[in-house]
Amino acid sequence: MNAVQTEMLYVQRRLAATRAMADAAAGPCARAAHETLARLYAARLSALAAAVPCLIAEPAVARPRRAVLPVLAPALRRGAPRPRLTLKLAS
């Protein structure tokens, strides 16, 4: 295996991991960052595939974007006030 093929395998692993992180992202900013990294990895992979003409590049699988759901703050429970605990120091 030559250096280009080794780098292609590395970029493929990073691309898969970055797409998984984008799918699991908690917020829209993290998701956008991981999707941008995935696009950059895909572009790098295409450039590497173009450098080695004997390899057959498979087309990238189109993945649907997740719907962005609003993040809601947890509701505080209203209940009886709890007594405050105090510590007594030993004399």
PDB file of N, CA and C in Angstrom:
ATOM      1  N   MET A   1       0.848  -1.171   0.000  1.00  0.00           N
ATOM      2  CA  MET A   1       0.000   0.000   0.000  1.00  0.00           C
ATOM      3  C   MET A   1       0.899   1.240   0.000  1.00  0.00           C
ATOM      4  N   ASN A   2       0.595   2.180  -0.860  1.00  0.00           N
ATOM      5  CA  ASN A   2       1.428   3.368  -0.908  1.00  0.00           C
ATOM      6  C   ASN A   2       0.874   4.458   0.015  1.00  0.00           C
ATOM      7  N   ALA A   3       1.575   5.579   0.050  1.00  0.00           N
ATOM      8  CA  ALA A   3       1.220   6.651   0.984  1.00  0.00           C
ATOM      9  C   ALA A   3      -0.150   7.259   0.669  1.00  0.00           C
ATOM     10  N   VAL A   4      -0.511   7.347  -0.602  1.00  0.00           N
ATOM     11  CA  VAL A   4      -1.804   7.929  -0.969  1.00  0.00           C
ATOM     12  C   VAL A   4      -2.946   7.041  -0.488  1.00  0.00           C
ATOM     13  N   GLN A   5      -2.799   5.748  -0.675  1.00  0.00           N
ATOM     14  CA  GLN A   5      -3.844   4.830  -0.217  1.00  0.00           C
ATOM     15  C   GLN A   5      -3.961   4.842   1.305  1.00  0.00           C
ATOM     16  N   THR A   6      -2.832   4.922   2.003  1.00  0.00           N
ATOM     17  CA  THR A   6      -2.844   4.997   3.459  1.00  0.00           C
ATOM     18  C   THR A   6      -3.558   6.257   3.919  1.00  0.00           C
ATOM     19  N   GLU A   7      -3.255   7.370   3.257  1.00  0.00           N
ATOM     20  CA  GLU A   7      -3.923   8.627   3.626  1.00  0.00           C
ATOM     21  C   GLU A   7      -5.415   8.574   3.302  1.00  0.00           C
ATOM     22  N   MET A   8      -5.778   7.914   2.205  1.00  0.00           N
ATOM     23  CA  MET A   8      -7.190   7.779   1.866  1.00  0.00           C
ATOM     24  C   MET A   8      -7.935   6.981   2.927  1.00  0.00           C
ATOM     25  N   LEU A   9      -7.325   5.915   3.424  1.00  0.00           N
ATOM     26  CA  LEU A   9      -7.958   5.132   4.492  1.00  0.00           C
ATOM     27  C   LEU A   9      -8.135   5.972   5.751  1.00  0.00           C
ATOM     28  N   TYR A  10      -7.116   6.770   6.079  1.00  0.00           N
ATOM     29  CA  TYR A  10      -7.210   7.640   7.251  1.00  0.00           C
ATOM     30  C   TYR A  10      -8.344   8.645   7.084  1.00  0.00           C
ATOM     31  N   VAL A  11      -8.408   9.281   5.911  1.00  0.00           N
ATOM     32  CA  VAL A  11      -9.437  10.293   5.665  1.00  0.00           C
ATOM     33  C   VAL A  11     -10.828   9.651   5.680  1.00  0.00           C
ATOM     34  N   GLN A  12     -10.951   8.428   5.160  1.00  0.00           N
ATOM     35  CA  GLN A  12     -12.242   7.728   5.203  1.00  0.00           C
ATOM     36  C   GLN A  12     -12.681   7.467   6.639  1.00  0.00           C
ATOM     37  N   ARG A  13     -11.732   7.047   7.490  1.00  0.00           N
ATOM     38  CA  ARG A  13     -12.075   6.826   8.908  1.00  0.00           C
ATOM     39  C   ARG A  13     -12.483   8.126   9.582  1.00  0.00           C
ATOM     40  N   ARG A  14     -11.746   9.193   9.323  1.00  0.00           N
ATOM     41  CA  ARG A  14     -12.077  10.490   9.919  1.00  0.00           C
ATOM     42  C   ARG A  14     -13.425  10.999   9.402  1.00  0.00           C
ATOM     43  N   LEU A  15     -13.700  10.772   8.129  1.00  0.00           N
ATOM     44  CA  LEU A  15     -14.969  11.203   7.544  1.00  0.00           C
ATOM     45  C   LEU A  15     -16.137  10.470   8.207  1.00  0.00           C
ATOM     46  N   ALA A  16     -16.008   9.168   8.390  1.00  0.00           N
ATOM     47  CA  ALA A  16     -17.071   8.398   9.042  1.00  0.00           C
ATOM     48  C   ALA A  16     -17.261   8.844  10.493  1.00  0.00           C
ATOM     49  N   ALA A  17     -16.156   9.068  11.204  1.00  0.00           N
ATOM     50  CA  ALA A  17     -16.250   9.500  12.603  1.00  0.00           C
ATOM     51  C   ALA A  17     -16.864  10.896  12.703  1.00  0.00           C
ATOM     52  N   THR A  18     -16.493  11.781  11.795  1.00  0.00           N
ATOM     53  CA  THR A  18     -17.015  13.148  11.830  1.00  0.00           C
ATOM     54  C   THR A  18     -18.504  13.168  11.499  1.00  0.00           C
ATOM     55  N   ARG A  19     -18.934  12.334  10.572  1.00  0.00           N
ATOM     56  CA  ARG A  19     -20.366  12.265  10.264  1.00  0.00           C
ATOM     57  C   ARG A  19     -21.152  11.713  11.449  1.00  0.00           C
ATOM     58  N   ALA A  20     -20.570  10.736  12.137  1.00  0.00           N
ATOM     59  CA  ALA A  20     -21.227  10.197  13.329  1.00  0.00           C
ATOM     60  C   ALA A  20     -21.329  11.268  14.422  1.00  0.00           C
ATOM     61  N   MET A  21     -20.279  12.064  14.573  1.00  0.00           N
ATOM     62  CA  MET A  21     -20.313  13.143  15.565  1.00  0.00           C
ATOM     63  C   MET A  21     -21.334  14.206  15.181  1.00  0.00           C
ATOM     64  N   ALA A  22     -21.481  14.472  13.887  1.00  0.00           N
ATOM     65  CA  ALA A  22     -22.483  15.446  13.443  1.00  0.00           C
ATOM     66  C   ALA A  22     -23.884  14.940  13.743  1.00  0.00           C
ATOM     67  N   ASP A  23     -24.105  13.640  13.558  1.00  0.00           N
ATOM     68  CA  ASP A  23     -25.418  13.067  13.862  1.00  0.00           C
ATOM     69  C   ASP A  23     -25.718  13.092  15.352  1.00  0.00           C
ATOM     70  N   ALA A  24     -24.675  12.963  16.173  1.00  0.00           N
ATOM     71  CA  ALA A  24     -24.870  12.909  17.621  1.00  0.00           C
ATOM     72  C   ALA A  24     -24.717  14.271  18.294  1.00  0.00           C
ATOM     73  N   ALA A  25     -24.493  15.312  17.520  1.00  0.00           N
ATOM     74  CA  ALA A  25     -24.248  16.639  18.104  1.00  0.00           C
ATOM     75  C   ALA A  25     -25.461  17.123  18.882  1.00  0.00           C
ATOM     76  N   ALA A  26     -25.185  17.767  19.997  1.00  0.00           N
ATOM     77  CA  ALA A  26     -26.266  18.239  20.871  1.00  0.00           C
ATOM     78  C   ALA A  26     -26.874  19.542  20.376  1.00  0.00           C
ATOM     79  N   GLY A  27     -26.092  20.383  19.769  1.00  0.00           N
ATOM     80  CA  GLY A  27     -26.608  21.687  19.365  1.00  0.00           C
ATOM     81  C   GLY A  27     -26.334  21.979  17.902  1.00  0.00           C
ATOM     82  N   PRO A  28     -26.957  23.017  17.391  1.00  0.00           N
ATOM     83  CA  PRO A  28     -26.789  23.346  15.969  1.00  0.00           C
ATOM     84  C   PRO A  28     -25.380  23.812  15.620  1.00  0.00           C
ATOM     85  N   CYS A  29     -24.700  24.474  16.556  1.00  0.00           N
ATOM     86  CA  CYS A  29     -23.338  24.948  16.264  1.00  0.00           C
ATOM     87  C   CYS A  29     -22.374  23.770  16.126  1.00  0.00           C
ATOM     88  N   ALA A  30     -22.468  22.823  17.042  1.00  0.00           N
ATOM     89  CA  ALA A  30     -21.599  21.647  16.970  1.00  0.00           C
ATOM     90  C   ALA A  30     -21.900  20.837  15.712  1.00  0.00           C
ATOM     91  N   ARG A  31     -23.188  20.719  15.392  1.00  0.00           N
ATOM     92  CA  ARG A  31     -23.570  19.970  14.194  1.00  0.00           C
ATOM     93  C   ARG A  31     -23.008  20.642  12.945  1.00  0.00           C
ATOM     94  N   ALA A  32     -23.115  21.958  12.862  1.00  0.00           N
ATOM     95  CA  ALA A  32     -22.601  22.689  11.697  1.00  0.00           C
ATOM     96  C   ALA A  32     -21.084  22.546  11.594  1.00  0.00           C
ATOM     97  N   ALA A  33     -20.395  22.580  12.730  1.00  0.00           N
ATOM     98  CA  ALA A  33     -18.942  22.430  12.710  1.00  0.00           C
ATOM     99  C   ALA A  33     -18.535  21.048  12.204  1.00  0.00           C
ATOM    100  N   HIS A  34     -19.206  20.010  12.685  1.00  0.00           N
ATOM    101  CA  HIS A  34     -18.861  18.653  12.252  1.00  0.00           C
ATOM    102  C   HIS A  34     -19.249  18.423  10.788  1.00  0.00           C
ATOM    103  N   GLU A  35     -20.351  19.010  10.349  1.00  0.00           N
ATOM    104  CA  GLU A  35     -20.726  18.879   8.935  1.00  0.00           C
ATOM    105  C   GLU A  35     -19.723  19.587   8.033  1.00  0.00           C
ATOM    106  N   THR A  36     -19.197  20.729   8.488  1.00  0.00           N
ATOM    107  CA  THR A  36     -18.179  21.434   7.711  1.00  0.00           C
ATOM    108  C   THR A  36     -16.905  20.603   7.630  1.00  0.00           C
ATOM    109  N   LEU A  37     -16.502  20.021   8.752  1.00  0.00           N
ATOM    110  CA  LEU A  37     -15.332  19.138   8.728  1.00  0.00           C
ATOM    111  C   LEU A  37     -15.565  17.952   7.801  1.00  0.00           C
ATOM    112  N   ALA A  38     -16.762  17.393   7.814  1.00  0.00           N
ATOM    113  CA  ALA A  38     -17.063  16.257   6.938  1.00  0.00           C
ATOM    114  C   ALA A  38     -16.958  16.664   5.467  1.00  0.00           C
ATOM    115  N   ARG A  39     -17.440  17.863   5.140  1.00  0.00           N
ATOM    116  CA  ARG A  39     -17.312  18.335   3.744  1.00  0.00           C
ATOM    117  C   ARG A  39     -15.841  18.494   3.358  1.00  0.00           C
ATOM    118  N   LEU A  40     -15.018  19.001   4.282  1.00  0.00           N
ATOM    119  CA  LEU A  40     -13.591  19.155   3.993  1.00  0.00           C
ATOM    120  C   LEU A  40     -12.911  17.791   3.820  1.00  0.00           C
ATOM    121  N   TYR A  41     -13.254  16.829   4.678  1.00  0.00           N
ATOM    122  CA  TYR A  41     -12.703  15.482   4.524  1.00  0.00           C
ATOM    123  C   TYR A  41     -13.143  14.861   3.199  1.00  0.00           C
ATOM    124  N   ALA A  42     -14.400  15.069   2.803  1.00  0.00           N
ATOM    125  CA  ALA A  42     -14.884  14.520   1.534  1.00  0.00           C
ATOM    126  C   ALA A  42     -14.146  15.152   0.355  1.00  0.00           C
ATOM    127  N   ALA A  43     -13.883  16.452   0.440  1.00  0.00           N
ATOM    128  CA  ALA A  43     -13.139  17.118  -0.627  1.00  0.00           C
ATOM    129  C   ALA A  43     -11.706  16.587  -0.709  1.00  0.00           C
ATOM    130  N   ARG A  44     -11.093  16.373   0.449  1.00  0.00           N
ATOM    131  CA  ARG A  44      -9.730  15.820   0.481  1.00  0.00           C
ATOM    132  C   ARG A  44      -9.713  14.406  -0.087  1.00  0.00           C
ATOM    133  N   LEU A  45     -10.716  13.627   0.246  1.00  0.00           N
ATOM    134  CA  LEU A  45     -10.797  12.266  -0.269  1.00  0.00           C
ATOM    135  C   LEU A  45     -10.963  12.267  -1.787  1.00  0.00           C
ATOM    136  N   SER A  46     -11.758  13.186  -2.303  1.00  0.00           N
ATOM    137  CA  SER A  46     -11.929  13.297  -3.763  1.00  0.00           C
ATOM    138  C   SER A  46     -10.618  13.693  -4.432  1.00  0.00           C
ATOM    139  N   ALA A  47      -9.885  14.620  -3.811  1.00  0.00           N
ATOM    140  CA  ALA A  47      -8.602  15.037  -4.383  1.00  0.00           C
ATOM    141  C   ALA A  47      -7.597  13.889  -4.380  1.00  0.00           C
ATOM    142  N   LEU A  48      -7.586  13.114  -3.304  1.00  0.00           N
ATOM    143  CA  LEU A  48      -6.680  11.956  -3.258  1.00  0.00           C
ATOM    144  C   LEU A  48      -7.071  10.901  -4.279  1.00  0.00           C
ATOM    145  N   ALA A  49      -8.369  10.678  -4.459  1.00  0.00           N
ATOM    146  CA  ALA A  49      -8.835   9.695  -5.443  1.00  0.00           C
ATOM    147  C   ALA A  49      -8.469  10.127  -6.857  1.00  0.00           C
ATOM    148  N   ALA A  50      -8.481  11.427  -7.104  1.00  0.00           N
ATOM    149  CA  ALA A  50      -8.115  11.927  -8.432  1.00  0.00           C
ATOM    150  C   ALA A  50      -6.617  11.756  -8.695  1.00  0.00           C
ATOM    151  N   ALA A  51      -5.825  11.719  -7.620  1.00  0.00           N
ATOM    152  CA  ALA A  51      -4.382  11.574  -7.779  1.00  0.00           C
ATOM    153  C   ALA A  51      -3.990  10.148  -8.157  1.00  0.00           C
ATOM    154  N   VAL A  52      -4.840   9.185  -7.836  1.00  0.00           N
ATOM    155  CA  VAL A  52      -4.547   7.780  -8.152  1.00  0.00           C
ATOM    156  C   VAL A  52      -5.594   7.312  -9.158  1.00  0.00           C
ATOM    157  N   PRO A  53      -5.266   7.320 -10.468  1.00  0.00           N
ATOM    158  CA  PRO A  53      -6.275   7.014 -11.491  1.00  0.00           C
ATOM    159  C   PRO A  53      -6.743   5.558 -11.501  1.00  0.00           C
ATOM    160  N   CYS A  54      -5.975   4.633 -10.908  1.00  0.00           N
ATOM    161  CA  CYS A  54      -6.383   3.230 -10.975  1.00  0.00           C
ATOM    162  C   CYS A  54      -7.441   2.873  -9.929  1.00  0.00           C
ATOM    163  N   LEU A  55      -7.715   3.765  -8.982  1.00  0.00           N
ATOM    164  CA  LEU A  55      -8.731   3.496  -7.971  1.00  0.00           C
ATOM    165  C   LEU A  55     -10.096   3.944  -8.467  1.00  0.00           C
ATOM    166  N   ILE A  56     -11.097   3.218  -8.090  1.00  0.00           N
ATOM    167  CA  ILE A  56     -12.469   3.575  -8.438  1.00  0.00           C
ATOM    168  C   ILE A  56     -13.095   4.206  -7.204  1.00  0.00           C
ATOM    169  N   ALA A  57     -13.438   5.447  -7.329  1.00  0.00           N
ATOM    170  CA  ALA A  57     -14.042   6.144  -6.200  1.00  0.00           C
ATOM    171  C   ALA A  57     -15.538   5.892  -6.193  1.00  0.00           C
ATOM    172  N   GLU A  58     -16.034   5.500  -5.039  1.00  0.00           N
ATOM    173  CA  GLU A  58     -17.471   5.302  -4.901  1.00  0.00           C
ATOM    174  C   GLU A  58     -18.115   6.630  -4.552  1.00  0.00           C
ATOM    175  N   PRO A  59     -19.300   6.902  -5.085  1.00  0.00           N
ATOM    176  CA  PRO A  59     -19.951   8.175  -4.781  1.00  0.00           C
ATOM    177  C   PRO A  59     -20.344   8.228  -3.307  1.00  0.00           C
ATOM    178  N   ALA A  60     -20.304   9.421  -2.765  1.00  0.00           N
ATOM    179  CA  ALA A  60     -20.673   9.605  -1.362  1.00  0.00           C
ATOM    180  C   ALA A  60     -22.166   9.377  -1.191  1.00  0.00           C
ATOM    181  N   VAL A  61     -22.512   8.789  -0.084  1.00  0.00           N
ATOM    182  CA  VAL A  61     -23.915   8.526   0.205  1.00  0.00           C
ATOM    183  C   VAL A  61     -24.550   9.806   0.732  1.00  0.00           C
ATOM    184  N   ALA A  62     -25.659  10.189   0.136  1.00  0.00           N
ATOM    185  CA  ALA A  62     -26.366  11.379   0.607  1.00  0.00           C
ATOM    186  C   ALA A  62     -27.054  11.045   1.919  1.00  0.00           C
ATOM    187  N   ARG A  63     -26.809  11.853   2.925  1.00  0.00           N
ATOM    188  CA  ARG A  63     -27.402  11.610   4.231  1.00  0.00           C
ATOM    189  C   ARG A  63     -28.375  12.739   4.534  1.00  0.00           C
ATOM    190  N   PRO A  64     -29.576  12.410   4.953  1.00  0.00           N
ATOM    191  CA  PRO A  64     -30.534  13.467   5.287  1.00  0.00           C
ATOM    192  C   PRO A  64     -30.091  14.211   6.537  1.00  0.00           C
ATOM    193  N   ARG A  65     -30.327  15.499   6.538  1.00  0.00           N
ATOM    194  CA  ARG A  65     -29.984  16.310   7.704  1.00  0.00           C
ATOM    195  C   ARG A  65     -31.014  16.104   8.791  1.00  0.00           C
ATOM    196  N   ARG A  66     -30.556  16.110  10.012  1.00  0.00           N
ATOM    197  CA  ARG A  66     -31.471  15.989  11.138  1.00  0.00           C
ATOM    198  C   ARG A  66     -32.190  17.306  11.341  1.00  0.00           C
ATOM    199  N   ALA A  67     -33.400  17.214  11.792  1.00  0.00           N
ATOM    200  CA  ALA A  67     -34.157  18.417  12.101  1.00  0.00           C
ATOM    201  C   ALA A  67     -33.569  19.048  13.360  1.00  0.00           C
ATOM    202  N   VAL A  68     -33.448  20.348  13.351  1.00  0.00           N
ATOM    203  CA  VAL A  68     -32.921  21.050  14.507  1.00  0.00           C
ATOM    204  C   VAL A  68     -34.076  21.285  15.471  1.00  0.00           C
ATOM    205  N   LEU A  69     -33.959  20.695  16.644  1.00  0.00           N
ATOM    206  CA  LEU A  69     -34.992  20.837  17.657  1.00  0.00           C
ATOM    207  C   LEU A  69     -34.553  21.872  18.672  1.00  0.00           C
ATOM    208  N   PRO A  70     -35.465  22.687  19.165  1.00  0.00           N
ATOM    209  CA  PRO A  70     -35.069  23.679  20.160  1.00  0.00           C
ATOM    210  C   PRO A  70     -34.675  22.990  21.461  1.00  0.00           C
ATOM    211  N   VAL A  71     -33.678  23.545  22.093  1.00  0.00           N
ATOM    212  CA  VAL A  71     -33.225  23.006  23.369  1.00  0.00           C
ATOM    213  C   VAL A  71     -33.965  23.761  24.466  1.00  0.00           C
ATOM    214  N   LEU A  72     -34.719  23.025  25.254  1.00  0.00           N
ATOM    215  CA  LEU A  72     -35.513  23.645  26.304  1.00  0.00           C
ATOM    216  C   LEU A  72     -34.854  23.429  27.653  1.00  0.00           C
ATOM    217  N   ALA A  73     -34.933  24.457  28.483  1.00  0.00           N
ATOM    218  CA  ALA A  73     -34.392  24.341  29.828  1.00  0.00           C
ATOM    219  C   ALA A  73     -35.297  23.420  30.643  1.00  0.00           C
ATOM    220  N   PRO A  74     -34.719  22.646  31.537  1.00  0.00           N
ATOM    221  CA  PRO A  74     -35.554  21.757  32.349  1.00  0.00           C
ATOM    222  C   PRO A  74     -36.460  22.570  33.274  1.00  0.00           C
ATOM    223  N   ALA A  75     -37.661  22.087  33.464  1.00  0.00           N
ATOM    224  CA  ALA A  75     -38.620  22.782  34.329  1.00  0.00           C
ATOM    225  C   ALA A  75     -38.273  22.494  35.789  1.00  0.00           C
ATOM    226  N   LEU A  76     -38.304  23.528  36.589  1.00  0.00           N
ATOM    227  CA  LEU A  76     -38.035  23.360  38.004  1.00  0.00           C
ATOM    228  C   LEU A  76     -39.298  22.905  38.707  1.00  0.00           C
ATOM    229  N   ARG A  77     -39.136  21.971  39.599  1.00  0.00           N
ATOM    230  CA  ARG A  77     -40.299  21.478  40.339  1.00  0.00           C
ATOM    231  C   ARG A  77     -40.625  22.443  41.473  1.00  0.00           C
ATOM    232  N   ARG A  78     -41.892  22.750  41.592  1.00  0.00           N
ATOM    233  CA  ARG A  78     -42.353  23.576  42.699  1.00  0.00           C
ATOM    234  C   ARG A  78     -42.799  22.644  43.813  1.00  0.00           C
ATOM    235  N   GLY A  79     -42.254  22.836  44.970  1.00  0.00           N
ATOM    236  CA  GLY A  79     -42.624  21.980  46.085  1.00  0.00           C
ATOM    237  C   GLY A  79     -42.397  22.719  47.389  1.00  0.00           C
ATOM    238  N   ALA A  80     -42.530  22.001  48.445  1.00  0.00           N
ATOM    239  CA  ALA A  80     -42.322  22.600  49.757  1.00  0.00           C
ATOM    240  C   ALA A  80     -40.844  22.951  49.904  1.00  0.00           C
ATOM    241  N   PRO A  81     -40.558  24.097  50.495  1.00  0.00           N
ATOM    242  CA  PRO A  81     -39.145  24.459  50.676  1.00  0.00           C
ATOM    243  C   PRO A  81     -38.465  23.485  51.627  1.00  0.00           C
ATOM    244  N   ARG A  82     -37.247  23.145  51.307  1.00  0.00           N
ATOM    245  CA  ARG A  82     -36.494  22.218  52.141  1.00  0.00           C
ATOM    246  C   ARG A  82     -35.806  22.989  53.260  1.00  0.00           C
ATOM    247  N   PRO A  83     -35.710  22.395  54.409  1.00  0.00           N
ATOM    248  CA  PRO A  83     -35.001  23.085  55.495  1.00  0.00           C
ATOM    249  C   PRO A  83     -33.517  23.149  55.182  1.00  0.00           C
ATOM    250  N   ARG A  84     -32.896  24.235  55.569  1.00  0.00           N
ATOM    251  CA  ARG A  84     -31.454  24.380  55.350  1.00  0.00           C
ATOM    252  C   ARG A  84     -30.712  23.564  56.367  1.00  0.00           C
ATOM    253  N   LEU A  85     -29.675  22.927  55.919  1.00  0.00           N
ATOM    254  CA  LEU A  85     -28.855  22.147  56.815  1.00  0.00           C
ATOM    255  C   LEU A  85     -27.712  23.025  57.320  1.00  0.00           C
ATOM    256  N   THR A  86     -27.416  22.945  58.586  1.00  0.00           N
ATOM    257  CA  THR A  86     -26.300  23.705  59.148  1.00  0.00           C
ATOM    258  C   THR A  86     -25.323  22.734  59.778  1.00  0.00           C
ATOM    259  N   LEU A  87     -24.099  23.111  59.730  1.00  0.00           N
ATOM    260  CA  LEU A  87     -23.066  22.299  60.327  1.00  0.00           C
ATOM    261  C   LEU A  87     -22.650  22.912  61.659  1.00  0.00           C
ATOM    262  N   LYS A  88     -22.485  22.095  62.653  1.00  0.00           N
ATOM    263  CA  LYS A  88     -22.018  22.568  63.947  1.00  0.00           C
ATOM    264  C   LYS A  88     -20.583  22.104  64.084  1.00  0.00           C
ATOM    265  N   LEU A  89     -19.732  23.046  64.362  1.00  0.00           N
ATOM    266  CA  LEU A  89     -18.311  22.735  64.517  1.00  0.00           C
ATOM    267  C   LEU A  89     -18.049  22.218  65.912  1.00  0.00           C
ATOM    268  N   ALA A  90     -17.199  21.243  65.996  1.00  0.00           N
ATOM    269  CA  ALA A  90     -16.830  20.719  67.315  1.00  0.00           C
ATOM    270  C   ALA A  90     -15.955  21.732  68.037  1.00  0.00           C
ATOM    271  N   SER A  91     -16.210  21.912  69.343  1.00  0.00           N
ATOM    272  CA  SER A  91     -15.405  22.886  70.091  1.00  0.00           C
ATOM    273  C   SER A  91     -14.285  22.209  70.835  1.00  0.00           C
TER     274      SER A  91
END
